[in-house]
Each structure stands twice: as structure tokens, then as C-alpha cells.
Amino acid sequence: MAECIGMIQTIIDDLPSANYNVLRCICDHLVQASTHEDITNMAEGNFAICFGQTILTPPHDQAAIMATGYANRFVNLLLNNVSSVVPPALTASFFAHPFF
């Protein structure tokens, strides 16, 4: 498990800063929403199923149905370990943008 988290962290560390910050915001939102599981009936795993394909779009030459399980597992691991995999330090500059 630690090896998988390390691999995810390596992939995420290579993202451009804008993509990194957007991913962090999305993950924060989904984790926050999952804390209200008693109301939403959605835990991290459910959000991973709903958003896995959106966050990780497979290349066109792969069958989307084949990649669905991998995307869902990746996003589930990401959401369950977001604070260690995607540190929040870089998001402050994202929200300092005049757009927000």
C-alpha cells in the first residue's frame, strides 16, 4: 500500500502547478463531501466511482471500460490519502488569483 501511495505521489508531483492545484481543490471538496456520508450516502469509494473517469481520462486507444477499474482505484487511494499525497501548501497561491 505504501508503495502505491508513493507511486501516486510521484505522478502527482510531476503535474504542472495549475493542474496540481485544481486536483487538490477537487480532492478537498470530495473528501469534505464524504464526511457527510450520513446525508449524502457517499463515501470516498462512491466518489471515486463517480469521478474516477472524469479525473483520469484514459487515452483514446484504450478501451474506457478496461480503464474504469484502475481509475476508480487510483482516485479512491488518492481521496483516502489526500493529505499525504497532495500537500495543501501549493493551493494558497491558486486562490490568491484575482479570478477567485
N, C-alpha and C. Protein backbone atom coordinates (compact mmCIF):
# COMPACT_ATOMS: atom_id res chain seq x y z
N MET A 1 0.82 -1.20 0.00
CA MET A 1 0.00 0.00 0.00
C MET A 1 0.87 1.26 0.00
N ALA A 2 1.90 1.28 0.82
CA ALA A 2 2.78 2.45 0.88
C ALA A 2 3.48 2.67 -0.46
N GLU A 3 3.79 1.57 -1.15
CA GLU A 3 4.42 1.67 -2.46
C GLU A 3 3.47 2.32 -3.47
N CYS A 4 2.20 1.93 -3.43
CA CYS A 4 1.20 2.53 -4.33
C CYS A 4 1.05 4.02 -4.05
N ILE A 5 0.99 4.39 -2.79
CA ILE A 5 0.85 5.80 -2.42
C ILE A 5 2.07 6.58 -2.88
N GLY A 6 3.25 6.00 -2.75
CA GLY A 6 4.47 6.65 -3.22
C GLY A 6 4.45 6.85 -4.72
N MET A 7 3.94 5.87 -5.45
CA MET A 7 3.85 6.00 -6.91
C MET A 7 2.85 7.09 -7.30
N ILE A 8 1.73 7.15 -6.60
CA ILE A 8 0.74 8.19 -6.86
C ILE A 8 1.34 9.56 -6.59
N GLN A 9 2.07 9.67 -5.49
CA GLN A 9 2.69 10.94 -5.13
C GLN A 9 3.70 11.37 -6.20
N THR A 10 4.46 10.44 -6.74
CA THR A 10 5.42 10.74 -7.80
C THR A 10 4.72 11.27 -9.04
N ILE A 11 3.62 10.64 -9.41
CA ILE A 11 2.85 11.07 -10.58
C ILE A 11 2.30 12.48 -10.35
N ILE A 12 1.74 12.70 -9.19
CA ILE A 12 1.13 13.99 -8.89
C ILE A 12 2.18 15.09 -8.79
N ASP A 13 3.34 14.78 -8.26
CA ASP A 13 4.41 15.77 -8.16
C ASP A 13 4.88 16.26 -9.53
N ASP A 14 4.67 15.47 -10.57
CA ASP A 14 5.09 15.85 -11.92
C ASP A 14 4.04 16.70 -12.66
N LEU A 15 2.88 16.91 -12.05
CA LEU A 15 1.85 17.71 -12.69
C LEU A 15 2.25 19.19 -12.75
N PRO A 16 1.82 19.89 -13.79
CA PRO A 16 2.01 21.35 -13.79
C PRO A 16 1.28 21.95 -12.59
N SER A 17 1.75 23.07 -12.08
CA SER A 17 1.20 23.62 -10.84
C SER A 17 -0.30 23.91 -10.95
N ALA A 18 -0.78 24.39 -12.09
CA ALA A 18 -2.21 24.66 -12.23
C ALA A 18 -3.02 23.37 -12.11
N ASN A 19 -2.58 22.30 -12.76
CA ASN A 19 -3.27 21.01 -12.67
C ASN A 19 -3.22 20.47 -11.25
N TYR A 20 -2.07 20.61 -10.62
CA TYR A 20 -1.88 20.16 -9.24
C TYR A 20 -2.89 20.86 -8.32
N ASN A 21 -2.99 22.18 -8.46
CA ASN A 21 -3.88 22.94 -7.60
C ASN A 21 -5.34 22.61 -7.84
N VAL A 22 -5.73 22.41 -9.08
CA VAL A 22 -7.10 22.02 -9.38
C VAL A 22 -7.39 20.64 -8.79
N LEU A 23 -6.47 19.71 -8.96
CA LEU A 23 -6.64 18.37 -8.39
C LEU A 23 -6.80 18.45 -6.88
N ARG A 24 -5.98 19.27 -6.24
CA ARG A 24 -6.06 19.41 -4.78
C ARG A 24 -7.44 19.95 -4.37
N CYS A 25 -7.92 20.95 -5.09
CA CYS A 25 -9.23 21.53 -4.77
C CYS A 25 -10.35 20.50 -4.95
N ILE A 26 -10.29 19.75 -6.04
CA ILE A 26 -11.29 18.72 -6.28
C ILE A 26 -11.26 17.67 -5.18
N CYS A 27 -10.06 17.22 -4.83
CA CYS A 27 -9.91 16.21 -3.78
C CYS A 27 -10.41 16.73 -2.44
N ASP A 28 -10.04 17.97 -2.10
CA ASP A 28 -10.52 18.55 -0.85
C ASP A 28 -12.05 18.59 -0.81
N HIS A 29 -12.64 18.98 -1.92
CA HIS A 29 -14.10 19.05 -1.98
C HIS A 29 -14.73 17.67 -1.81
N LEU A 30 -14.19 16.68 -2.52
CA LEU A 30 -14.77 15.32 -2.43
C LEU A 30 -14.57 14.72 -1.05
N VAL A 31 -13.42 14.96 -0.44
CA VAL A 31 -13.19 14.44 0.91
C VAL A 31 -14.14 15.13 1.89
N GLN A 32 -14.31 16.45 1.75
CA GLN A 32 -15.24 17.19 2.61
C GLN A 32 -16.66 16.67 2.43
N ALA A 33 -17.06 16.45 1.20
CA ALA A 33 -18.41 15.93 0.93
C ALA A 33 -18.58 14.53 1.53
N SER A 34 -17.52 13.73 1.50
CA SER A 34 -17.62 12.37 2.04
C SER A 34 -17.73 12.35 3.55
N THR A 35 -17.36 13.44 4.21
CA THR A 35 -17.52 13.49 5.68
C THR A 35 -18.99 13.60 6.06
N HIS A 36 -19.84 13.90 5.10
CA HIS A 36 -21.28 13.99 5.33
C HIS A 36 -21.99 12.76 4.75
N GLU A 37 -21.33 11.63 4.90
CA GLU A 37 -21.86 10.38 4.33
C GLU A 37 -23.26 10.07 4.85
N ASP A 38 -23.55 10.45 6.08
CA ASP A 38 -24.88 10.18 6.63
C ASP A 38 -25.98 10.93 5.87
N ILE A 39 -25.62 12.04 5.24
CA ILE A 39 -26.59 12.81 4.46
C ILE A 39 -26.51 12.45 2.97
N THR A 40 -25.29 12.35 2.45
CA THR A 40 -25.10 12.15 1.01
C THR A 40 -25.13 10.68 0.59
N ASN A 41 -24.95 9.78 1.55
CA ASN A 41 -24.81 8.35 1.26
C ASN A 41 -23.64 8.08 0.32
N MET A 42 -22.61 8.93 0.40
CA MET A 42 -21.45 8.81 -0.48
C MET A 42 -20.18 8.84 0.37
N ALA A 43 -19.43 7.74 0.34
CA ALA A 43 -18.12 7.68 0.98
C ALA A 43 -17.07 7.92 -0.10
N GLU A 44 -15.78 7.92 0.28
CA GLU A 44 -14.71 8.15 -0.69
C GLU A 44 -14.81 7.19 -1.87
N GLY A 45 -15.11 5.93 -1.57
CA GLY A 45 -15.21 4.92 -2.62
C GLY A 45 -16.30 5.24 -3.64
N ASN A 46 -17.43 5.76 -3.15
CA ASN A 46 -18.52 6.13 -4.05
C ASN A 46 -18.12 7.32 -4.93
N PHE A 47 -17.44 8.29 -4.32
CA PHE A 47 -16.98 9.44 -5.11
C PHE A 47 -15.92 9.01 -6.12
N ALA A 48 -15.10 8.05 -5.75
CA ALA A 48 -14.09 7.54 -6.68
C ALA A 48 -14.75 6.90 -7.90
N ILE A 49 -15.83 6.17 -7.67
CA ILE A 49 -16.56 5.56 -8.79
C ILE A 49 -17.17 6.63 -9.68
N CYS A 50 -17.73 7.67 -9.06
CA CYS A 50 -18.39 8.73 -9.84
C CYS A 50 -17.39 9.61 -10.59
N PHE A 51 -16.24 9.90 -9.96
CA PHE A 51 -15.32 10.87 -10.53
C PHE A 51 -14.03 10.28 -11.10
N GLY A 52 -13.83 8.98 -10.93
CA GLY A 52 -12.61 8.35 -11.41
C GLY A 52 -12.35 8.57 -12.88
N GLN A 53 -13.35 8.34 -13.71
CA GLN A 53 -13.18 8.52 -15.16
C GLN A 53 -13.05 9.99 -15.54
N THR A 54 -13.64 10.87 -14.76
CA THR A 54 -13.53 12.30 -15.06
C THR A 54 -12.14 12.81 -14.74
N ILE A 55 -11.61 12.41 -13.60
CA ILE A 55 -10.29 12.87 -13.18
C ILE A 55 -9.20 12.21 -14.01
N LEU A 56 -9.37 10.94 -14.33
CA LEU A 56 -8.36 10.21 -15.10
C LEU A 56 -8.98 9.72 -16.41
N THR A 57 -8.96 10.53 -17.41
CA THR A 57 -9.48 10.14 -18.71
C THR A 57 -8.45 9.27 -19.41
N PRO A 58 -8.81 8.04 -19.81
CA PRO A 58 -7.84 7.17 -20.47
C PRO A 58 -7.54 7.63 -21.90
N PRO A 59 -6.38 7.26 -22.42
CA PRO A 59 -6.08 7.59 -23.82
C PRO A 59 -7.12 6.96 -24.75
N HIS A 60 -7.29 7.56 -25.92
CA HIS A 60 -8.32 7.11 -26.86
C HIS A 60 -8.11 5.68 -27.34
N ASP A 61 -6.88 5.21 -27.34
CA ASP A 61 -6.64 3.87 -27.86
C ASP A 61 -6.94 2.78 -26.84
N GLN A 62 -7.23 3.14 -25.61
CA GLN A 62 -7.58 2.14 -24.60
C GLN A 62 -9.11 2.05 -24.52
N ALA A 63 -9.57 0.89 -24.23
CA ALA A 63 -11.00 0.72 -24.01
C ALA A 63 -11.34 1.35 -22.67
N ALA A 64 -12.26 2.29 -22.66
CA ALA A 64 -12.62 3.01 -21.44
C ALA A 64 -13.10 2.06 -20.35
N ILE A 65 -13.81 1.03 -20.75
CA ILE A 65 -14.33 0.08 -19.77
C ILE A 65 -13.21 -0.66 -19.06
N MET A 66 -12.09 -0.90 -19.76
CA MET A 66 -10.95 -1.59 -19.16
C MET A 66 -10.25 -0.69 -18.15
N ALA A 67 -10.22 0.61 -18.42
CA ALA A 67 -9.51 1.55 -17.55
C ALA A 67 -10.35 2.02 -16.38
N THR A 68 -11.63 1.78 -16.39
CA THR A 68 -12.52 2.28 -15.34
C THR A 68 -12.11 1.79 -13.96
N GLY A 69 -11.85 0.52 -13.81
CA GLY A 69 -11.47 -0.02 -12.51
C GLY A 69 -10.19 0.57 -11.98
N TYR A 70 -9.21 0.76 -12.86
CA TYR A 70 -7.94 1.35 -12.44
C TYR A 70 -8.12 2.80 -12.02
N ALA A 71 -8.90 3.55 -12.78
CA ALA A 71 -9.14 4.96 -12.46
C ALA A 71 -9.86 5.08 -11.12
N ASN A 72 -10.85 4.24 -10.90
CA ASN A 72 -11.60 4.28 -9.64
C ASN A 72 -10.71 3.94 -8.46
N ARG A 73 -9.86 2.92 -8.61
CA ARG A 73 -8.95 2.56 -7.51
C ARG A 73 -7.94 3.65 -7.24
N PHE A 74 -7.42 4.27 -8.31
CA PHE A 74 -6.46 5.36 -8.17
C PHE A 74 -7.09 6.52 -7.41
N VAL A 75 -8.28 6.93 -7.81
CA VAL A 75 -8.95 8.05 -7.16
C VAL A 75 -9.34 7.70 -5.73
N ASN A 76 -9.74 6.47 -5.49
CA ASN A 76 -10.07 6.04 -4.13
C ASN A 76 -8.83 6.13 -3.23
N LEU A 77 -7.70 5.63 -3.71
CA LEU A 77 -6.45 5.75 -2.94
C LEU A 77 -6.09 7.21 -2.72
N LEU A 78 -6.27 8.01 -3.75
CA LEU A 78 -5.96 9.43 -3.66
C LEU A 78 -6.83 10.11 -2.61
N LEU A 79 -8.12 9.87 -2.63
CA LEU A 79 -9.02 10.50 -1.66
C LEU A 79 -8.76 10.04 -0.24
N ASN A 80 -8.43 8.77 -0.08
CA ASN A 80 -8.17 8.25 1.26
C ASN A 80 -6.83 8.71 1.82
N ASN A 81 -5.94 9.22 0.97
CA ASN A 81 -4.61 9.63 1.41
C ASN A 81 -4.26 11.04 0.92
N VAL A 82 -5.27 11.86 0.69
CA VAL A 82 -5.06 13.15 0.04
C VAL A 82 -4.09 14.05 0.81
N SER A 83 -4.14 14.05 2.11
CA SER A 83 -3.28 14.96 2.87
C SER A 83 -1.80 14.61 2.75
N SER A 84 -1.48 13.35 2.54
CA SER A 84 -0.08 12.98 2.39
C SER A 84 0.37 12.95 0.93
N VAL A 85 -0.57 12.74 0.01
CA VAL A 85 -0.21 12.63 -1.41
C VAL A 85 -0.22 14.00 -2.09
N VAL A 86 -1.17 14.84 -1.74
CA VAL A 86 -1.30 16.17 -2.36
C VAL A 86 -1.27 17.21 -1.24
N PRO A 87 -0.09 17.61 -0.81
CA PRO A 87 0.00 18.60 0.28
C PRO A 87 -0.70 19.90 -0.09
N PRO A 88 -1.33 20.55 0.88
CA PRO A 88 -2.11 21.76 0.59
C PRO A 88 -1.29 23.02 0.39
N ALA A 89 0.00 23.00 0.62
CA ALA A 89 0.82 24.21 0.61
C ALA A 89 0.72 24.99 -0.70
N LEU A 90 0.60 24.31 -1.83
CA LEU A 90 0.59 24.99 -3.11
C LEU A 90 -0.75 25.61 -3.46
N THR A 91 -1.80 25.27 -2.75
CA THR A 91 -3.12 25.76 -3.13
C THR A 91 -3.35 27.21 -2.73
N ALA A 92 -2.60 27.74 -1.79
CA ALA A 92 -2.80 29.12 -1.36
C ALA A 92 -2.61 30.09 -2.53
N SER A 93 -1.60 29.86 -3.35
CA SER A 93 -1.36 30.75 -4.49
C SER A 93 -2.47 30.62 -5.53
N PHE A 94 -3.09 29.47 -5.60
CA PHE A 94 -4.18 29.26 -6.55
C PHE A 94 -5.36 30.16 -6.20
N PHE A 95 -5.73 30.22 -4.94
CA PHE A 95 -6.87 31.02 -4.52
C PHE A 95 -6.55 32.51 -4.42
N ALA A 96 -5.28 32.87 -4.50
CA ALA A 96 -4.89 34.27 -4.50
C ALA A 96 -5.10 34.91 -5.86
N HIS A 97 -5.40 34.11 -6.87
CA HIS A 97 -5.62 34.61 -8.23
C HIS A 97 -6.86 35.51 -8.24
N PRO A 98 -6.83 36.63 -8.96
CA PRO A 98 -7.96 37.57 -8.98
C PRO A 98 -9.28 36.96 -9.44
N PHE A 99 -9.22 35.85 -10.17
CA PHE A 99 -10.43 35.18 -10.63
C PHE A 99 -11.31 34.78 -9.46
N PHE A 100 -10.68 34.41 -8.34
CA PHE A 100 -11.44 33.98 -7.17
C PHE A 100 -11.64 35.16 -6.30
